[in-house]
Amino acid sequence: MGRSGESGTFAENDGDASRADRRKHLRKINNSYWLCHGAYRSNARMVNGVVYDMPAAIGPVDVAVFGSILLHLRDPFLALENAARLTQETMIVSDLSPFGRFASRFRRNPRFMPNSAKPDGITDGWFRLPPLLVQEYLAILGFKYGNRTRPIYTIVARR
């Protein structure tokens, strides 16, 4: 699923400029996906839409991948829940670890990023989610933790 549309939390910020920059950035990501898709003769399908409303018509999938998107969502658990509804085997979550290599091994609390005192600060995300919290989210959804984590962590959970 693409197009989160969730960032730009402050009314004072120039949303139009941010959206234009984000579209340009996403276009590059999509182009790289299609380049690799063709080069490796992939059979994978990409579905664009809203992570909070994934249509059942997509059908069951073997793998769902969340690549540094949860931090941009106001409700990351709902996004994971909707993907889990369709995912048969593996959920992969890669994201930035919010508290550094050592502390992120022990902390489970999300870090809320917007700050009304600093409206020009973090404007492209809502939460930084530590690996232990994402593991718990996935366990609640029926996926067991299957690999190690890193400061830029990837969680692979299987059903």
C-alpha atoms as a PDB file:
ATOM      1  CA  MET A   1       0.000   0.000   0.000  1.00  0.00           C
ATOM      2  CA  GLY A   2       1.293   3.460  -0.767  1.00  0.00           C
ATOM      3  CA  ARG A   3       0.350   7.092  -0.126  1.00  0.00           C
ATOM      4  CA  SER A   4      -0.004   7.605   3.584  1.00  0.00           C
ATOM      5  CA  GLY A   5      -1.080  11.271   3.445  1.00  0.00           C
ATOM      6  CA  GLU A   6      -0.713  11.395   7.215  1.00  0.00           C
ATOM      7  CA  SER A   7       2.174  13.808   7.679  1.00  0.00           C
ATOM      8  CA  GLY A   8       2.201  17.564   8.040  1.00  0.00           C
ATOM      9  CA  THR A   9       0.734  17.794  11.501  1.00  0.00           C
ATOM     10  CA  PHE A  10       0.990  21.550  12.101  1.00  0.00           C
ATOM     11  CA  ALA A  11      -1.354  24.130  10.612  1.00  0.00           C
ATOM     12  CA  GLU A  12       1.457  26.703  10.314  1.00  0.00           C
ATOM     13  CA  ASN A  13       3.643  24.532   8.101  1.00  0.00           C
ATOM     14  CA  ASP A  14       3.612  24.875   4.336  1.00  0.00           C
ATOM     15  CA  GLY A  15       1.659  21.728   3.540  1.00  0.00           C
ATOM     16  CA  ASP A  16       1.693  22.297  -0.232  1.00  0.00           C
ATOM     17  CA  ALA A  17       5.496  22.434  -0.396  1.00  0.00           C
ATOM     18  CA  SER A  18       5.795  19.393   1.875  1.00  0.00           C
ATOM     19  CA  ARG A  19       3.314  17.421  -0.224  1.00  0.00           C
ATOM     20  CA  ALA A  20       5.141  18.338  -3.443  1.00  0.00           C
ATOM     21  CA  ASP A  21       8.467  17.229  -1.946  1.00  0.00           C
ATOM     22  CA  ARG A  22       6.890  14.009  -0.675  1.00  0.00           C
ATOM     23  CA  ARG A  23       5.339  13.236  -4.093  1.00  0.00           C
ATOM     24  CA  LYS A  24       8.722  13.756  -5.757  1.00  0.00           C
ATOM     25  CA  HIS A  25      10.393  11.473  -3.206  1.00  0.00           C
ATOM     26  CA  LEU A  26       7.714   8.770  -3.535  1.00  0.00           C
ATOM     27  CA  ARG A  27       7.970   8.905  -7.323  1.00  0.00           C
ATOM     28  CA  LYS A  28      11.667   8.003  -7.019  1.00  0.00           C
ATOM     29  CA  ILE A  29      10.867   5.127  -4.667  1.00  0.00           C
ATOM     30  CA  ASN A  30       8.172   3.816  -7.005  1.00  0.00           C
ATOM     31  CA  ASN A  31      10.515   4.110  -9.987  1.00  0.00           C
ATOM     32  CA  SER A  32      13.178   2.101  -8.171  1.00  0.00           C
ATOM     33  CA  TYR A  33      10.590  -0.546  -7.270  1.00  0.00           C
ATOM     34  CA  TRP A  34       9.556  -0.942 -10.900  1.00  0.00           C
ATOM     35  CA  LEU A  35      13.169  -0.973 -12.096  1.00  0.00           C
ATOM     36  CA  CYS A  36      13.985  -3.846  -9.718  1.00  0.00           C
ATOM     37  CA  HIS A  37      10.658  -5.532 -10.474  1.00  0.00           C
ATOM     38  CA  GLY A  38      11.553  -5.687 -14.155  1.00  0.00           C
ATOM     39  CA  ALA A  39      15.242  -6.488 -13.678  1.00  0.00           C
ATOM     40  CA  TYR A  40      14.475  -9.468 -11.434  1.00  0.00           C
ATOM     41  CA  ARG A  41      11.364 -10.497 -13.388  1.00  0.00           C
ATOM     42  CA  SER A  42       9.338 -10.338 -10.209  1.00  0.00           C
ATOM     43  CA  ASN A  43       5.786 -11.646 -10.030  1.00  0.00           C
ATOM     44  CA  ALA A  44       5.030  -9.528  -6.960  1.00  0.00           C
ATOM     45  CA  ARG A  45       2.056  -7.177  -7.186  1.00  0.00           C
ATOM     46  CA  MET A  46       2.013  -3.672  -5.785  1.00  0.00           C
ATOM     47  CA  VAL A  47      -1.238  -2.290  -4.429  1.00  0.00           C
ATOM     48  CA  ASN A  48      -1.631   1.445  -3.818  1.00  0.00           C
ATOM     49  CA  GLY A  49      -4.237   2.745  -1.451  1.00  0.00           C
ATOM     50  CA  VAL A  50      -4.903   3.652   2.165  1.00  0.00           C
ATOM     51  CA  VAL A  51      -3.451   1.425   4.895  1.00  0.00           C
ATOM     52  CA  TYR A  52      -6.520   1.956   7.080  1.00  0.00           C
ATOM     53  CA  ASP A  53      -8.874   0.577   4.433  1.00  0.00           C
ATOM     54  CA  MET A  54      -7.227  -2.350   2.662  1.00  0.00           C
ATOM     55  CA  PRO A  55      -9.825  -3.995   0.445  1.00  0.00           C
ATOM     56  CA  ALA A  56     -10.416  -7.715   1.006  1.00  0.00           C
ATOM     57  CA  ALA A  57     -10.458  -7.981  -2.805  1.00  0.00           C
ATOM     58  CA  ILE A  58      -6.650  -7.890  -2.682  1.00  0.00           C
ATOM     59  CA  GLY A  59      -6.991 -11.435  -1.441  1.00  0.00           C
ATOM     60  CA  PRO A  60      -4.637 -13.335   0.822  1.00  0.00           C
ATOM     61  CA  VAL A  61      -0.949 -12.456   0.631  1.00  0.00           C
ATOM     62  CA  ASP A  62       2.088 -14.392   1.833  1.00  0.00           C
ATOM     63  CA  VAL A  63       4.084 -11.358   2.962  1.00  0.00           C
ATOM     64  CA  ALA A  64       3.222  -7.806   4.020  1.00  0.00           C
ATOM     65  CA  VAL A  65       6.061  -5.269   4.194  1.00  0.00           C
ATOM     66  CA  PHE A  66       6.038  -2.014   6.150  1.00  0.00           C
ATOM     67  CA  GLY A  67       9.210  -0.135   5.198  1.00  0.00           C
ATOM     68  CA  SER A  68       9.579   2.944   7.428  1.00  0.00           C
ATOM     69  CA  ILE A  69       5.920   3.855   7.136  1.00  0.00           C
ATOM     70  CA  LEU A  70       4.551   3.274  10.647  1.00  0.00           C
ATOM     71  CA  LEU A  71       6.190   6.454  11.943  1.00  0.00           C
ATOM     72  CA  HIS A  72       4.081   8.463   9.475  1.00  0.00           C
ATOM     73  CA  LEU A  73       0.756   7.011  10.652  1.00  0.00           C
ATOM     74  CA  ARG A  74      -1.526   8.324  13.385  1.00  0.00           C
ATOM     75  CA  ASP A  75      -2.695   4.765  14.092  1.00  0.00           C
ATOM     76  CA  PRO A  76       0.122   2.331  13.314  1.00  0.00           C
ATOM     77  CA  PHE A  77      -1.614  -0.573  15.074  1.00  0.00           C
ATOM     78  CA  LEU A  78      -4.694  -0.230  12.856  1.00  0.00           C
ATOM     79  CA  ALA A  79      -2.494  -0.301   9.753  1.00  0.00           C
ATOM     80  CA  LEU A  80      -0.779  -3.493  10.967  1.00  0.00           C
ATOM     81  CA  GLU A  81      -4.147  -5.006  11.904  1.00  0.00           C
ATOM     82  CA  ASN A  82      -5.543  -4.381   8.417  1.00  0.00           C
ATOM     83  CA  ALA A  83      -2.483  -5.929   6.779  1.00  0.00           C
ATOM     84  CA  ALA A  84      -2.543  -8.903   9.174  1.00  0.00           C
ATOM     85  CA  ARG A  85      -6.130  -9.604   8.130  1.00  0.00           C
ATOM     86  CA  LEU A  86      -4.824 -10.439   4.639  1.00  0.00           C
ATOM     87  CA  THR A  87      -1.386 -11.851   5.501  1.00  0.00           C
ATOM     88  CA  GLN A  88      -1.014 -15.619   5.659  1.00  0.00           C
ATOM     89  CA  GLU A  89       2.605 -16.037   6.693  1.00  0.00           C
ATOM     90  CA  THR A  90       4.990 -13.130   7.271  1.00  0.00           C
ATOM     91  CA  MET A  91       4.836  -9.494   8.366  1.00  0.00           C
ATOM     92  CA  ILE A  92       8.044  -7.495   7.892  1.00  0.00           C
ATOM     93  CA  VAL A  93       8.458  -4.140   9.629  1.00  0.00           C
ATOM     94  CA  SER A  94      11.557  -1.992   9.100  1.00  0.00           C
ATOM     95  CA  ASP A  95      11.830   1.305  10.905  1.00  0.00           C
ATOM     96  CA  LEU A  96      14.113   3.633  12.830  1.00  0.00           C
ATOM     97  CA  SER A  97      14.763   2.640  16.409  1.00  0.00           C
ATOM     98  CA  PRO A  98      13.842   5.688  18.524  1.00  0.00           C
ATOM     99  CA  PHE A  99      16.043   5.288  21.580  1.00  0.00           C
ATOM    100  CA  GLY A 100      19.382   4.109  20.210  1.00  0.00           C
ATOM    101  CA  ARG A 101      20.876   0.643  19.992  1.00  0.00           C
ATOM    102  CA  PHE A 102      21.024  -0.202  23.704  1.00  0.00           C
ATOM    103  CA  ALA A 103      17.900   1.448  25.137  1.00  0.00           C
ATOM    104  CA  SER A 104      15.635   0.201  22.334  1.00  0.00           C
ATOM    105  CA  ARG A 105      16.215  -3.354  23.538  1.00  0.00           C
ATOM    106  CA  PHE A 106      14.346  -2.605  26.753  1.00  0.00           C
ATOM    107  CA  ARG A 107      11.816   0.126  26.030  1.00  0.00           C
ATOM    108  CA  ARG A 108       8.307  -0.519  24.751  1.00  0.00           C
ATOM    109  CA  ASN A 109       6.767   2.948  24.914  1.00  0.00           C
ATOM    110  CA  PRO A 110       6.246   4.826  21.651  1.00  0.00           C
ATOM    111  CA  ARG A 111       7.834   8.225  21.307  1.00  0.00           C
ATOM    112  CA  PHE A 112       5.334  10.897  20.209  1.00  0.00           C
ATOM    113  CA  MET A 113       7.143  13.219  17.810  1.00  0.00           C
ATOM    114  CA  PRO A 114       5.034  16.353  17.109  1.00  0.00           C
ATOM    115  CA  ASN A 115       5.688  19.175  19.569  1.00  0.00           C
ATOM    116  CA  SER A 116       3.483  22.279  19.559  1.00  0.00           C
ATOM    117  CA  ALA A 117       6.372  24.315  20.982  1.00  0.00           C
ATOM    118  CA  LYS A 118       8.477  23.420  17.927  1.00  0.00           C
ATOM    119  CA  PRO A 119       6.136  23.384  14.901  1.00  0.00           C
ATOM    120  CA  ASP A 120       9.110  23.415  12.505  1.00  0.00           C
ATOM    121  CA  GLY A 121      10.651  20.366  14.180  1.00  0.00           C
ATOM    122  CA  ILE A 122       9.501  16.848  13.282  1.00  0.00           C
ATOM    123  CA  THR A 123       6.779  17.397  10.676  1.00  0.00           C
ATOM    124  CA  ASP A 124       6.860  14.102   8.825  1.00  0.00           C
ATOM    125  CA  GLY A 125       5.884  11.650  11.508  1.00  0.00           C
ATOM    126  CA  TRP A 126       3.741  10.905  14.511  1.00  0.00           C
ATOM    127  CA  PHE A 127       5.479   8.174  16.478  1.00  0.00           C
ATOM    128  CA  ARG A 128       8.792   6.415  16.784  1.00  0.00           C
ATOM    129  CA  LEU A 129       7.995   2.842  17.722  1.00  0.00           C
ATOM    130  CA  PRO A 130      10.640   0.749  19.484  1.00  0.00           C
ATOM    131  CA  PRO A 131      11.151  -2.838  18.294  1.00  0.00           C
ATOM    132  CA  LEU A 132       9.698  -4.375  21.479  1.00  0.00           C
ATOM    133  CA  LEU A 133       6.428  -2.524  20.948  1.00  0.00           C
ATOM    134  CA  VAL A 134       6.194  -3.584  17.290  1.00  0.00           C
ATOM    135  CA  GLN A 135       6.919  -7.179  18.338  1.00  0.00           C
ATOM    136  CA  GLU A 136       4.053  -6.947  20.843  1.00  0.00           C
ATOM    137  CA  TYR A 137       1.706  -5.477  18.221  1.00  0.00           C
ATOM    138  CA  LEU A 138       2.526  -8.338  15.854  1.00  0.00           C
ATOM    139  CA  ALA A 139       2.149 -10.958  18.614  1.00  0.00           C
ATOM    140  CA  ILE A 140      -1.308  -9.578  19.436  1.00  0.00           C
ATOM    141  CA  LEU A 141      -2.133 -10.014  15.744  1.00  0.00           C
ATOM    142  CA  GLY A 142      -0.953 -13.648  15.797  1.00  0.00           C
ATOM    143  CA  PHE A 143       2.588 -13.309  14.437  1.00  0.00           C
ATOM    144  CA  LYS A 144       5.553 -14.589  16.413  1.00  0.00           C
ATOM    145  CA  TYR A 145       8.899 -12.790  16.454  1.00  0.00           C
ATOM    146  CA  GLY A 146      11.391 -14.488  14.173  1.00  0.00           C
ATOM    147  CA  ASN A 147      14.625 -12.476  13.887  1.00  0.00           C
ATOM    148  CA  ARG A 148      17.012 -10.089  15.631  1.00  0.00           C
ATOM    149  CA  THR A 149      16.591  -6.340  15.579  1.00  0.00           C
ATOM    150  CA  ARG A 150      19.045  -3.531  14.775  1.00  0.00           C
ATOM    151  CA  PRO A 151      19.054   0.255  15.393  1.00  0.00           C
ATOM    152  CA  ILE A 152      17.305   0.537  12.042  1.00  0.00           C
ATOM    153  CA  TYR A 153      15.287  -2.485  12.838  1.00  0.00           C
ATOM    154  CA  THR A 154      13.420  -5.071  10.824  1.00  0.00           C
ATOM    155  CA  ILE A 155      10.851  -7.312  12.475  1.00  0.00           C
ATOM    156  CA  VAL A 156       9.970 -10.541  10.665  1.00  0.00           C
ATOM    157  CA  ALA A 157       7.003 -12.297  12.286  1.00  0.00           C
ATOM    158  CA  ARG A 158       5.408 -15.532  11.077  1.00  0.00           C
ATOM    159  CA  ARG A 159       2.000 -17.069  11.550  1.00  0.00           C
END
